N, C-alpha and C. Protein backbone atom coordinates (compact mmCIF):
# COMPACT_ATOMS: atom_id res chain seq x y z
N MET A 1 6.48 -16.17 -38.24
CA MET A 1 7.62 -16.84 -39.02
C MET A 1 7.09 -16.81 -40.31
N THR A 2 5.81 -17.71 -40.24
CA THR A 2 5.26 -18.27 -41.44
C THR A 2 3.82 -17.36 -41.29
N SER A 3 3.32 -17.49 -42.86
CA SER A 3 1.82 -17.09 -42.51
C SER A 3 0.80 -17.82 -42.88
N ASP A 4 -0.13 -18.32 -41.94
CA ASP A 4 -1.05 -19.05 -41.61
C ASP A 4 -1.73 -19.04 -42.97
N SER A 5 -2.21 -18.33 -43.67
CA SER A 5 -2.82 -18.27 -44.79
C SER A 5 -2.46 -18.83 -46.52
N MET A 6 -1.16 -18.21 -46.18
CA MET A 6 -0.54 -18.44 -47.10
C MET A 6 0.85 -19.44 -47.34
N ASN A 7 0.85 -20.30 -46.08
CA ASN A 7 2.01 -21.09 -45.96
C ASN A 7 3.87 -20.84 -46.72
N ARG A 8 3.75 -19.23 -46.50
CA ARG A 8 5.10 -18.86 -47.27
C ARG A 8 5.88 -18.16 -45.95
N PHE A 9 6.87 -17.76 -46.38
CA PHE A 9 7.96 -17.49 -45.30
C PHE A 9 7.66 -15.87 -45.67
N GLU A 10 7.77 -15.21 -44.51
CA GLU A 10 7.42 -13.90 -44.65
C GLU A 10 8.79 -12.92 -45.14
N GLN A 11 8.34 -12.12 -46.03
CA GLN A 11 9.84 -11.54 -46.41
C GLN A 11 10.42 -10.46 -45.57
N GLU A 12 9.44 -9.95 -44.17
CA GLU A 12 9.99 -8.80 -42.97
C GLU A 12 10.77 -10.04 -42.32
N HIS A 13 10.19 -11.46 -41.84
CA HIS A 13 11.23 -12.17 -41.18
C HIS A 13 12.39 -12.48 -41.88
N LEU A 14 12.15 -12.73 -43.24
CA LEU A 14 13.49 -13.23 -44.10
C LEU A 14 14.59 -11.78 -44.16
N LYS A 15 13.97 -10.87 -44.66
CA LYS A 15 14.82 -9.45 -44.34
C LYS A 15 15.40 -9.26 -43.13
N GLY A 16 14.97 -9.99 -42.10
CA GLY A 16 15.48 -9.23 -40.81
C GLY A 16 16.61 -10.75 -40.47
N TRP A 17 16.30 -11.63 -41.09
CA TRP A 17 17.18 -12.58 -40.96
C TRP A 17 18.53 -12.13 -41.66
N TRP A 18 18.58 -11.57 -43.06
CA TRP A 18 19.35 -11.50 -43.57
C TRP A 18 20.24 -10.42 -43.06
N GLU A 19 19.57 -9.51 -42.63
CA GLU A 19 19.98 -8.54 -41.95
C GLU A 19 20.91 -8.62 -40.86
N THR A 20 20.14 -9.68 -39.93
CA THR A 20 20.84 -9.84 -38.81
C THR A 20 22.23 -10.77 -38.78
N THR A 21 22.34 -11.74 -40.05
CA THR A 21 23.09 -12.18 -40.42
C THR A 21 24.75 -11.55 -40.90
N ARG A 22 23.97 -10.26 -41.80
CA ARG A 22 25.14 -9.70 -42.38
C ARG A 22 25.73 -8.90 -41.06
N TYR A 23 25.05 -8.66 -40.25
CA TYR A 23 25.73 -7.60 -38.87
C TYR A 23 26.64 -8.62 -38.17
N TYR A 24 26.13 -9.61 -37.93
CA TYR A 24 27.44 -10.38 -37.21
C TYR A 24 28.26 -11.23 -37.99
N LEU A 25 27.92 -10.85 -39.26
CA LEU A 25 29.13 -11.20 -40.00
C LEU A 25 30.40 -10.32 -40.16
N LEU A 26 29.66 -8.84 -40.65
CA LEU A 26 30.74 -7.91 -41.12
C LEU A 26 30.85 -7.09 -40.03
N ALA A 27 30.65 -7.05 -38.84
CA ALA A 27 30.63 -6.22 -37.85
C ALA A 27 32.13 -6.24 -36.84
N ASP A 28 32.87 -5.60 -36.29
CA ASP A 28 34.00 -5.60 -35.72
C ASP A 28 33.37 -6.43 -34.17
N MET A 29 34.28 -7.53 -34.17
CA MET A 29 33.73 -8.60 -33.34
C MET A 29 33.81 -7.78 -31.91
N GLY A 30 34.69 -7.26 -31.75
CA GLY A 30 34.56 -6.08 -30.49
C GLY A 30 33.31 -5.44 -30.28
N SER A 31 32.66 -5.00 -31.04
CA SER A 31 31.16 -4.23 -30.85
C SER A 31 30.50 -5.18 -30.37
N LEU A 32 30.18 -6.64 -30.99
CA LEU A 32 28.97 -7.40 -30.84
C LEU A 32 29.00 -8.08 -29.32
N PRO A 33 27.81 -7.74 -28.80
CA PRO A 33 26.89 -8.13 -27.57
C PRO A 33 27.41 -9.70 -27.60
N GLY A 34 28.18 -9.72 -26.37
CA GLY A 34 28.44 -11.57 -25.85
C GLY A 34 29.50 -11.77 -26.83
N ALA A 35 30.39 -11.18 -27.23
CA ALA A 35 31.75 -11.42 -28.82
C ALA A 35 33.02 -11.85 -27.39
N ALA A 36 32.80 -11.46 -26.27
CA ALA A 36 34.07 -12.53 -25.67
C ALA A 36 33.71 -13.48 -25.40
N ALA A 37 32.49 -13.62 -25.01
CA ALA A 37 31.92 -15.18 -24.61
C ALA A 37 32.33 -15.94 -26.11
N VAL A 38 31.73 -15.84 -27.04
CA VAL A 38 31.69 -16.30 -28.21
C VAL A 38 33.41 -16.36 -28.76
N ALA A 39 34.00 -15.46 -28.65
CA ALA A 39 35.19 -15.12 -29.25
C ALA A 39 35.47 -16.34 -30.46
N GLU A 40 34.53 -16.12 -31.73
CA GLU A 40 34.70 -17.04 -32.46
C GLU A 40 35.66 -16.54 -33.68
N ASP A 41 36.26 -15.18 -33.33
CA ASP A 41 37.05 -14.89 -34.52
C ASP A 41 38.30 -15.61 -34.06
N GLY A 42 38.48 -15.53 -32.92
CA GLY A 42 39.86 -16.10 -32.20
C GLY A 42 40.28 -17.41 -32.85
N TRP A 43 39.18 -18.30 -33.00
CA TRP A 43 39.56 -19.74 -33.23
C TRP A 43 40.17 -19.93 -34.96
N SER A 44 41.33 -20.53 -34.69
CA SER A 44 41.82 -20.69 -35.94
C SER A 44 42.24 -22.27 -35.92
N PRO A 45 41.89 -23.04 -37.08
CA PRO A 45 41.95 -24.44 -37.04
C PRO A 45 43.17 -24.51 -37.00
N PRO A 46 43.30 -25.85 -36.14
CA PRO A 46 44.59 -26.85 -36.39
C PRO A 46 45.35 -27.23 -37.49
N GLN A 47 46.65 -26.96 -37.32
CA GLN A 47 47.71 -27.91 -38.27
C GLN A 47 46.97 -29.09 -38.86
N THR A 48 46.74 -29.12 -40.21
CA THR A 48 46.24 -30.72 -40.58
C THR A 48 47.88 -31.89 -41.55
N ASP A 49 48.90 -31.18 -41.17
CA ASP A 49 49.68 -31.72 -41.57
C ASP A 49 49.79 -33.28 -41.29
N SER A 50 49.91 -33.76 -40.27
CA SER A 50 49.62 -34.45 -39.15
C SER A 50 48.49 -35.20 -39.17
N HIS A 51 48.37 -36.88 -39.61
CA HIS A 51 47.18 -37.44 -38.83
C HIS A 51 46.55 -36.99 -37.64
N GLY A 52 47.60 -36.18 -36.60
CA GLY A 52 46.84 -35.92 -35.19
C GLY A 52 46.20 -34.73 -35.14
N GLY A 53 47.00 -34.13 -36.51
CA GLY A 53 46.53 -32.74 -36.49
C GLY A 53 45.03 -32.80 -36.95
N ARG A 54 44.94 -33.59 -38.05
CA ARG A 54 43.67 -33.80 -38.80
C ARG A 54 42.97 -34.37 -37.73
N LYS A 55 42.93 -34.92 -36.74
CA LYS A 55 41.88 -35.47 -35.79
C LYS A 55 42.06 -34.59 -34.75
N ARG A 56 42.62 -33.35 -34.26
CA ARG A 56 42.42 -32.39 -33.56
C ARG A 56 41.41 -31.30 -34.33
N PHE A 57 41.86 -30.93 -35.62
CA PHE A 57 41.09 -30.20 -36.63
C PHE A 57 39.40 -30.51 -36.84
N ILE A 58 39.27 -32.03 -36.59
CA ILE A 58 38.00 -32.63 -36.69
C ILE A 58 36.90 -32.32 -35.72
N ALA A 59 38.14 -32.76 -34.25
CA ALA A 59 37.27 -32.18 -32.71
C ALA A 59 36.89 -31.10 -32.89
N GLY A 60 37.75 -29.95 -33.29
CA GLY A 60 37.55 -28.54 -32.69
C GLY A 60 36.07 -28.09 -33.80
N VAL A 61 36.48 -28.68 -34.75
CA VAL A 61 34.92 -28.24 -35.94
C VAL A 61 33.71 -28.92 -35.16
N ARG A 62 33.67 -30.02 -34.50
CA ARG A 62 32.80 -30.64 -33.92
C ARG A 62 32.22 -29.82 -32.95
N GLY A 63 33.32 -29.32 -32.25
CA GLY A 63 32.89 -28.27 -30.85
C GLY A 63 31.99 -27.11 -31.29
N ARG A 64 32.63 -26.19 -32.40
CA ARG A 64 32.34 -25.47 -32.69
C ARG A 64 30.30 -25.32 -33.52
N LEU A 65 30.47 -26.43 -33.91
CA LEU A 65 29.16 -26.71 -34.92
C LEU A 65 28.07 -27.19 -33.93
N LEU A 66 28.61 -28.15 -32.95
CA LEU A 66 27.34 -28.83 -32.08
C LEU A 66 27.20 -28.08 -30.42
N ARG A 67 28.08 -27.44 -30.41
CA ARG A 67 27.59 -26.54 -28.92
C ARG A 67 26.81 -25.45 -29.14
N PRO A 68 26.82 -24.88 -29.93
CA PRO A 68 25.60 -23.83 -30.13
C PRO A 68 23.94 -24.50 -30.11
N ILE A 69 24.56 -25.88 -30.75
CA ILE A 69 22.74 -26.59 -30.64
C ILE A 69 22.74 -27.18 -29.54
N LYS A 70 23.06 -27.56 -29.04
CA LYS A 70 23.15 -28.18 -27.04
C LYS A 70 22.38 -27.13 -26.34
N ARG A 71 22.50 -25.39 -26.84
CA ARG A 71 22.37 -24.18 -25.84
C ARG A 71 20.96 -24.17 -26.09
N GLY A 72 20.35 -24.97 -27.44
CA GLY A 72 19.36 -23.82 -27.98
C GLY A 72 17.74 -23.91 -27.58
N GLY A 73 16.74 -22.98 -27.83
CA GLY A 73 15.73 -22.57 -26.58
C GLY A 73 14.90 -23.85 -27.47
N ALA A 74 14.27 -24.06 -26.24
CA ALA A 74 13.12 -25.59 -26.19
C ALA A 74 11.51 -25.08 -26.52
N ASP A 75 11.87 -23.71 -26.44
CA ASP A 75 10.38 -23.25 -26.72
C ASP A 75 9.82 -23.39 -28.18
N ASP A 76 10.64 -22.59 -29.00
CA ASP A 76 10.21 -22.87 -30.47
C ASP A 76 11.51 -24.06 -31.24
N PRO A 77 10.85 -24.72 -31.53
CA PRO A 77 12.32 -25.76 -32.65
C PRO A 77 12.66 -24.83 -33.52
N LEU A 78 11.21 -24.71 -34.65
CA LEU A 78 11.86 -23.40 -35.72
C LEU A 78 12.96 -22.48 -35.00
N ARG A 79 12.61 -21.82 -34.22
CA ARG A 79 13.75 -20.46 -33.95
C ARG A 79 15.35 -21.47 -33.74
N GLU A 80 14.75 -22.34 -33.07
CA GLU A 80 16.13 -23.15 -32.91
C GLU A 80 16.92 -23.44 -33.96
N LEU A 81 16.43 -24.45 -35.00
CA LEU A 81 16.35 -25.01 -36.26
C LEU A 81 17.26 -23.95 -37.12
N GLU A 82 16.53 -22.61 -36.67
CA GLU A 82 17.20 -21.30 -37.71
C GLU A 82 17.93 -20.94 -37.18
N SER A 83 18.34 -21.06 -35.67
CA SER A 83 19.64 -20.33 -35.22
C SER A 83 20.56 -21.42 -35.76
N ALA A 84 20.11 -22.59 -35.56
CA ALA A 84 21.61 -23.78 -35.84
C ALA A 84 22.30 -23.26 -37.19
N PHE A 85 21.22 -23.19 -38.58
CA PHE A 85 21.36 -22.71 -39.32
C PHE A 85 22.17 -21.76 -39.68
N GLN A 86 21.88 -20.20 -39.18
CA GLN A 86 22.76 -19.35 -38.76
C GLN A 86 23.94 -19.63 -38.47
N HIS A 87 24.32 -20.31 -37.42
CA HIS A 87 25.42 -20.41 -37.01
C HIS A 87 26.17 -20.94 -37.81
N GLN A 88 25.86 -21.76 -38.56
CA GLN A 88 26.52 -22.97 -39.34
C GLN A 88 27.22 -21.79 -40.57
N ILE A 89 25.75 -21.22 -41.44
CA ILE A 89 26.14 -20.45 -42.58
C ILE A 89 27.42 -18.97 -41.84
N ALA A 90 27.31 -18.74 -40.35
CA ALA A 90 28.27 -17.56 -40.44
C ALA A 90 29.89 -18.27 -40.15
N PHE A 91 29.62 -19.35 -39.30
CA PHE A 91 30.78 -20.18 -39.39
C PHE A 91 31.68 -20.44 -41.10
N ILE A 92 30.18 -21.22 -42.12
CA ILE A 92 31.39 -21.02 -43.25
C ILE A 92 31.46 -19.75 -44.09
N ALA A 93 31.06 -19.02 -43.57
CA ALA A 93 31.81 -17.76 -44.24
C ALA A 93 32.36 -16.77 -43.29
N ARG A 94 32.94 -17.37 -41.67
CA ARG A 94 34.56 -16.80 -41.29
C ARG A 94 35.22 -17.89 -41.63
N HIS A 95 35.35 -19.09 -41.56
CA HIS A 95 36.25 -20.21 -42.30
C HIS A 95 35.72 -21.13 -43.42
N PRO A 96 35.81 -19.92 -44.38
CA PRO A 96 34.89 -21.15 -45.76
C PRO A 96 36.45 -22.20 -46.08
N ASP A 97 37.23 -22.20 -46.00
CA ASP A 97 38.13 -23.68 -45.90
C ASP A 97 37.66 -24.85 -45.22
N VAL A 98 37.13 -24.27 -44.18
CA VAL A 98 37.02 -25.67 -43.37
C VAL A 98 36.18 -26.40 -43.76
N PRO A 99 34.88 -26.44 -44.04
CA PRO A 99 33.94 -27.34 -45.04
C PRO A 99 34.52 -27.97 -46.13
N ARG A 100 35.64 -27.32 -46.59
CA ARG A 100 35.45 -27.57 -48.02
C ARG A 100 36.66 -28.71 -47.84
N ARG A 101 37.91 -28.15 -46.79
CA ARG A 101 38.46 -29.67 -46.30
C ARG A 101 37.92 -31.15 -45.91
N LEU A 102 36.99 -30.87 -45.18
CA LEU A 102 36.53 -31.72 -44.68
C LEU A 102 35.65 -32.60 -45.68
N LEU A 103 34.83 -31.94 -46.77
CA LEU A 103 34.11 -32.76 -48.00
C LEU A 103 35.39 -33.42 -48.92
N LEU A 104 36.46 -32.59 -48.75
CA LEU A 104 37.80 -33.20 -49.88
C LEU A 104 38.21 -34.52 -49.03
N TRP A 105 38.51 -34.30 -47.23
CA TRP A 105 38.99 -35.53 -47.13
C TRP A 105 37.43 -36.57 -47.39
N LEU A 106 36.54 -36.54 -47.14
CA LEU A 106 35.43 -37.38 -46.93
C LEU A 106 35.34 -38.34 -48.54
N ALA A 107 35.63 -37.21 -49.73
CA ALA A 107 35.57 -37.79 -50.77
C ALA A 107 36.85 -38.49 -51.60
N GLN A 108 38.24 -37.99 -50.74
CA GLN A 108 38.98 -38.35 -51.86
C GLN A 108 40.35 -38.84 -50.98
N ASP A 109 40.59 -38.54 -49.23
CA ASP A 109 41.13 -39.18 -48.71
C ASP A 109 41.58 -40.46 -48.42
N GLY A 110 42.60 -40.93 -48.62
CA GLY A 110 42.81 -42.54 -48.71
C GLY A 110 42.84 -43.15 -47.03
N ASP A 111 42.50 -42.31 -46.38
CA ASP A 111 42.76 -42.49 -44.92
C ASP A 111 41.40 -43.37 -44.39
N PRO A 112 40.74 -44.32 -44.10
CA PRO A 112 39.65 -44.47 -43.73
C PRO A 112 39.09 -44.21 -42.54
N GLY A 113 39.92 -44.43 -41.66
CA GLY A 113 39.34 -43.56 -40.24
C GLY A 113 39.10 -42.05 -40.41
N LEU A 114 40.00 -41.40 -41.04
CA LEU A 114 39.42 -39.87 -41.25
C LEU A 114 38.69 -39.78 -41.83
N GLN A 115 38.03 -40.78 -43.22
CA GLN A 115 36.86 -40.40 -43.58
C GLN A 115 35.55 -40.90 -42.73
N ARG A 116 35.82 -41.99 -41.46
CA ARG A 116 34.71 -42.32 -41.00
C ARG A 116 34.67 -41.05 -39.64
N ARG A 117 35.69 -40.39 -39.11
CA ARG A 117 35.51 -39.30 -38.69
C ARG A 117 34.71 -38.02 -39.20
N VAL A 118 34.92 -37.96 -40.34
CA VAL A 118 34.49 -36.70 -41.09
C VAL A 118 32.64 -37.45 -41.19
N ARG A 119 32.59 -37.95 -41.10
CA ARG A 119 30.93 -39.08 -41.43
C ARG A 119 30.40 -39.09 -40.19
N MET A 120 31.08 -38.94 -38.94
CA MET A 120 30.90 -39.66 -37.70
C MET A 120 30.05 -38.07 -37.19
N LEU A 121 31.03 -36.99 -37.82
CA LEU A 121 30.71 -35.58 -37.20
C LEU A 121 29.47 -35.18 -38.39
N ILE A 122 29.33 -35.48 -39.11
CA ILE A 122 28.13 -35.07 -40.10
C ILE A 122 27.07 -35.92 -39.55
N GLY A 123 27.40 -36.97 -38.59
CA GLY A 123 25.94 -37.77 -38.43
C GLY A 123 25.76 -37.57 -36.95
N TYR A 124 26.83 -36.77 -36.06
CA TYR A 124 26.45 -35.54 -35.36
C TYR A 124 25.57 -34.71 -35.23
N TYR A 125 25.93 -34.03 -35.77
CA TYR A 125 25.21 -32.81 -36.36
C TYR A 125 23.78 -33.41 -37.24
N ALA A 126 23.82 -34.28 -37.73
CA ALA A 126 22.12 -34.32 -38.84
C ALA A 126 21.45 -34.76 -37.64
N THR A 127 22.23 -35.49 -36.45
CA THR A 127 21.50 -36.41 -35.09
C THR A 127 20.88 -34.81 -34.34
N ARG A 128 21.42 -33.75 -33.83
CA ARG A 128 20.90 -33.04 -33.21
C ARG A 128 20.25 -31.99 -34.16
N LEU A 129 19.79 -32.02 -35.42
CA LEU A 129 19.24 -31.31 -36.02
C LEU A 129 17.90 -32.20 -36.70
N ALA A 130 17.47 -33.43 -36.03
CA ALA A 130 17.01 -34.40 -36.19
C ALA A 130 15.90 -34.06 -34.65
N GLN A 131 17.05 -33.96 -33.85
CA GLN A 131 15.87 -34.15 -32.35
C GLN A 131 15.52 -32.96 -32.67
N ILE A 132 15.93 -31.64 -33.10
CA ILE A 132 15.22 -30.13 -33.08
C ILE A 132 14.00 -30.23 -34.07
N ILE A 133 14.35 -31.07 -35.17
CA ILE A 133 12.86 -31.52 -36.06
C ILE A 133 11.75 -32.05 -35.24
N ALA A 134 12.43 -33.22 -34.58
CA ALA A 134 11.34 -34.06 -34.04
C ALA A 134 10.23 -33.33 -33.23
N ARG A 135 10.75 -32.46 -32.20
CA ARG A 135 10.26 -31.85 -31.00
C ARG A 135 9.42 -30.61 -32.19
N ALA A 136 9.67 -29.90 -33.21
CA ALA A 136 8.71 -29.14 -33.88
C ALA A 136 7.76 -29.79 -34.68
N GLU A 137 7.74 -31.51 -35.01
CA GLU A 137 6.62 -32.01 -35.17
C GLU A 137 5.85 -32.53 -33.89
N GLN A 138 6.25 -33.07 -33.02
CA GLN A 138 5.41 -32.74 -31.79
C GLN A 138 4.41 -31.86 -31.37
N GLN A 139 4.94 -30.88 -31.58
CA GLN A 139 4.39 -29.38 -31.26
C GLN A 139 3.43 -28.82 -32.30
N GLY A 140 3.56 -29.75 -33.56
CA GLY A 140 2.50 -29.06 -34.68
C GLY A 140 3.04 -28.31 -35.49
N LEU A 141 4.57 -28.45 -35.66
CA LEU A 141 4.92 -26.79 -36.19
C LEU A 141 4.90 -27.31 -37.61
N ILE A 142 5.22 -28.09 -37.59
CA ILE A 142 5.58 -29.03 -39.12
C ILE A 142 4.70 -29.93 -39.53
N ARG A 143 4.74 -30.51 -40.90
CA ARG A 143 3.64 -31.68 -41.37
C ARG A 143 4.05 -32.70 -40.31
N THR A 144 3.44 -33.73 -40.07
CA THR A 144 3.19 -35.06 -39.62
C THR A 144 4.22 -35.84 -40.39
N ASP A 145 3.27 -35.93 -41.32
CA ASP A 145 4.85 -37.08 -42.68
C ASP A 145 6.08 -36.83 -43.01
N ILE A 146 6.27 -35.78 -42.32
CA ILE A 146 7.88 -35.37 -42.09
C ILE A 146 8.51 -36.64 -41.01
N LYS A 147 9.75 -37.17 -41.84
CA LYS A 147 10.73 -37.94 -40.89
C LYS A 147 11.98 -37.13 -40.48
N PRO A 148 11.79 -37.07 -39.29
CA PRO A 148 13.11 -36.09 -38.81
C PRO A 148 14.31 -36.26 -39.59
N HIS A 149 14.75 -37.91 -39.64
CA HIS A 149 16.17 -37.65 -39.90
C HIS A 149 16.77 -37.54 -40.89
N ALA A 150 15.48 -37.73 -41.88
CA ALA A 150 15.35 -37.30 -43.42
C ALA A 150 15.21 -35.96 -43.83
N ALA A 151 14.69 -35.05 -42.80
CA ALA A 151 14.53 -33.85 -42.87
C ALA A 151 15.98 -33.04 -42.51
N ALA A 152 16.38 -33.76 -41.30
CA ALA A 152 18.02 -33.04 -41.16
C ALA A 152 18.96 -33.14 -41.86
N ILE A 153 19.07 -34.76 -42.65
CA ILE A 153 20.00 -34.67 -44.25
C ILE A 153 19.72 -33.72 -44.84
N SER A 154 18.75 -33.46 -45.19
CA SER A 154 18.01 -33.01 -46.66
C SER A 154 19.03 -31.32 -46.08
N LEU A 155 18.82 -30.97 -44.85
CA LEU A 155 19.41 -29.07 -44.07
C LEU A 155 21.06 -29.73 -44.60
N VAL A 156 21.71 -31.09 -44.38
CA VAL A 156 23.06 -30.92 -44.46
C VAL A 156 23.07 -30.76 -45.90
N GLY A 157 22.27 -31.38 -46.74
CA GLY A 157 22.25 -31.25 -48.08
C GLY A 157 22.70 -29.86 -48.61
N VAL A 158 21.70 -29.41 -48.05
CA VAL A 158 21.26 -28.03 -48.43
C VAL A 158 22.72 -26.84 -48.24
N ILE A 159 23.12 -27.53 -47.07
CA ILE A 159 24.57 -26.83 -46.85
C ILE A 159 25.52 -26.80 -46.84
N GLN A 160 25.64 -28.50 -47.48
CA GLN A 160 26.74 -28.74 -48.40
C GLN A 160 26.96 -28.26 -49.81
N LYS A 161 25.33 -27.97 -50.48
CA LYS A 161 25.16 -27.56 -51.76
C LYS A 161 26.14 -26.29 -51.62
N LEU A 162 25.61 -25.58 -50.76
CA LEU A 162 26.13 -24.14 -50.39
C LEU A 162 27.38 -23.49 -50.35
N VAL A 163 28.64 -24.67 -50.04
CA VAL A 163 29.64 -25.03 -49.77
C VAL A 163 30.40 -25.18 -51.20
N LEU A 164 29.69 -25.84 -51.70
CA LEU A 164 29.86 -26.31 -52.97
C LEU A 164 30.06 -24.76 -54.33
N GLU A 165 28.94 -24.71 -54.08
CA GLU A 165 28.18 -23.27 -54.74
C GLU A 165 29.18 -22.06 -54.89
N ALA A 166 29.63 -22.21 -53.18
CA ALA A 166 30.21 -21.09 -52.69
C ALA A 166 31.60 -20.64 -53.26
N HIS A 167 32.27 -22.00 -53.44
CA HIS A 167 33.43 -22.59 -53.58
C HIS A 167 34.01 -22.57 -55.15
N ALA A 168 32.63 -22.79 -55.67
CA ALA A 168 32.90 -22.60 -57.27
C ALA A 168 32.85 -21.32 -57.47
N THR A 169 32.19 -20.09 -56.76
CA THR A 169 31.67 -18.77 -57.27
C THR A 169 32.83 -18.03 -56.14
N PRO A 170 33.77 -17.34 -56.44
CA PRO A 170 35.11 -16.68 -55.67
C PRO A 170 34.30 -15.36 -54.70
N GLN A 171 33.37 -14.89 -55.93
CA GLN A 171 32.48 -13.41 -54.82
C GLN A 171 31.25 -14.48 -53.84
N ARG A 172 32.03 -14.05 -52.64
CA ARG A 172 30.85 -14.58 -51.59
C ARG A 172 30.00 -13.67 -50.90
N GLY A 173 30.28 -13.05 -49.99
CA GLY A 173 29.88 -11.53 -49.36
C GLY A 173 28.26 -11.80 -49.09
N GLU A 174 27.22 -11.06 -49.33
CA GLU A 174 26.04 -10.87 -49.54
C GLU A 174 25.28 -11.75 -50.42
N SER A 175 26.03 -12.14 -51.50
CA SER A 175 25.60 -13.02 -52.57
C SER A 175 25.10 -14.66 -51.72
N PHE A 176 26.28 -15.12 -51.12
CA PHE A 176 26.73 -16.11 -49.99
C PHE A 176 25.37 -16.05 -49.20
N LEU A 177 25.09 -14.85 -48.34
CA LEU A 177 24.19 -15.07 -47.34
C LEU A 177 22.94 -15.13 -48.09
N ARG A 178 22.36 -13.83 -48.79
CA ARG A 178 21.10 -14.03 -49.44
C ARG A 178 20.75 -15.50 -50.16
N LYS A 179 21.72 -16.30 -50.80
CA LYS A 179 21.54 -17.83 -50.85
C LYS A 179 21.13 -18.33 -49.93
N ALA A 180 21.65 -18.47 -49.12
CA ALA A 180 22.02 -19.18 -48.01
C ALA A 180 20.25 -18.87 -47.19
N ALA A 181 19.92 -17.71 -47.07
CA ALA A 181 18.32 -17.02 -46.40
C ALA A 181 17.63 -17.44 -47.40
N GLU A 182 17.30 -17.44 -48.73
CA GLU A 182 16.54 -18.77 -49.89
C GLU A 182 17.07 -19.53 -49.55
N ALA A 183 17.78 -20.48 -49.40
CA ALA A 183 17.59 -21.61 -49.33
C ALA A 183 17.14 -22.11 -47.98
N PHE A 184 17.02 -21.86 -46.86
CA PHE A 184 16.40 -21.84 -45.98
C PHE A 184 14.59 -21.55 -45.87
N ALA A 185 14.71 -20.66 -46.26
CA ALA A 185 13.51 -20.17 -46.38
C ALA A 185 12.47 -21.07 -47.14
N LEU A 186 13.07 -21.71 -48.46
CA LEU A 186 12.30 -22.99 -49.04
C LEU A 186 12.40 -24.08 -48.25
N TYR A 187 13.32 -24.33 -47.70
CA TYR A 187 13.33 -25.81 -46.63
C TYR A 187 12.23 -25.82 -45.59
N LEU A 188 12.02 -24.34 -44.72
CA LEU A 188 11.16 -24.38 -43.63
C LEU A 188 9.72 -24.37 -44.72
N ALA A 189 9.68 -24.10 -45.59
CA ALA A 189 8.73 -23.91 -46.59
C ALA A 189 7.90 -25.08 -46.56
N ALA A 190 8.83 -26.04 -47.06
CA ALA A 190 8.51 -27.75 -47.78
C ALA A 190 8.20 -28.42 -46.17
N LEU A 191 8.43 -27.89 -44.84
CA LEU A 191 8.19 -28.51 -43.59
C LEU A 191 7.21 -27.99 -43.54
N ALA A 192 6.32 -26.94 -43.76
CA ALA A 192 5.07 -26.01 -42.99
C ALA A 192 3.87 -26.88 -43.13
N VAL A 193 3.17 -26.96 -42.31
CA VAL A 193 2.03 -27.39 -42.40
C VAL A 193 0.99 -26.61 -43.60
N PRO A 194 0.77 -27.48 -43.74
CA PRO A 194 -0.44 -26.98 -45.20
C PRO A 194 -1.78 -26.23 -44.10
N SER A 195 -2.17 -25.02 -44.90
CA SER A 195 -3.56 -24.21 -44.31
C SER A 195 -4.50 -25.27 -44.89
N LYS A 196 -5.31 -25.17 -44.15
CA LYS A 196 -6.76 -25.82 -44.55
C LYS A 196 -7.85 -24.69 -44.43
């Protein structure tokens, strides 16, 4: 994944990641391996006209975001982190209004309970990412001066920035995926163990 001599994200890996993500986002869902088990395309966010609808919406999003992180591969925490990021990007590409709606509720809604639920969702997600990053630190895969929770919050910030940029630019598709791949490569480079 990284080159020991230069501590840079290898272009081959980056290209492979981008191609895999494009394949999963643009392919016919029925032709994908495990599509029946995932059934991602069949999910539609609940109506949010009522307070109860908003609670169900947040609960559904929480399940969609956290479920894949629970399954992660403990063998390679950096691959697990990459997989979690890919899943998040795929979710955003399939359901672009979901993260925007959550950020809108967090910033503008007058319902403190709803804002608390959105903050809790972001907090749960960041905690799961921090656990993965802590395992990477224990295995010596990232710098020892990295604070896992701060690194997780930074990754959440990268994702939020991508959401806001995608909202500002109506043309999504490959441009969005390319920006996401580049952002993750920079993020991993910042965590990398310096070469000796």
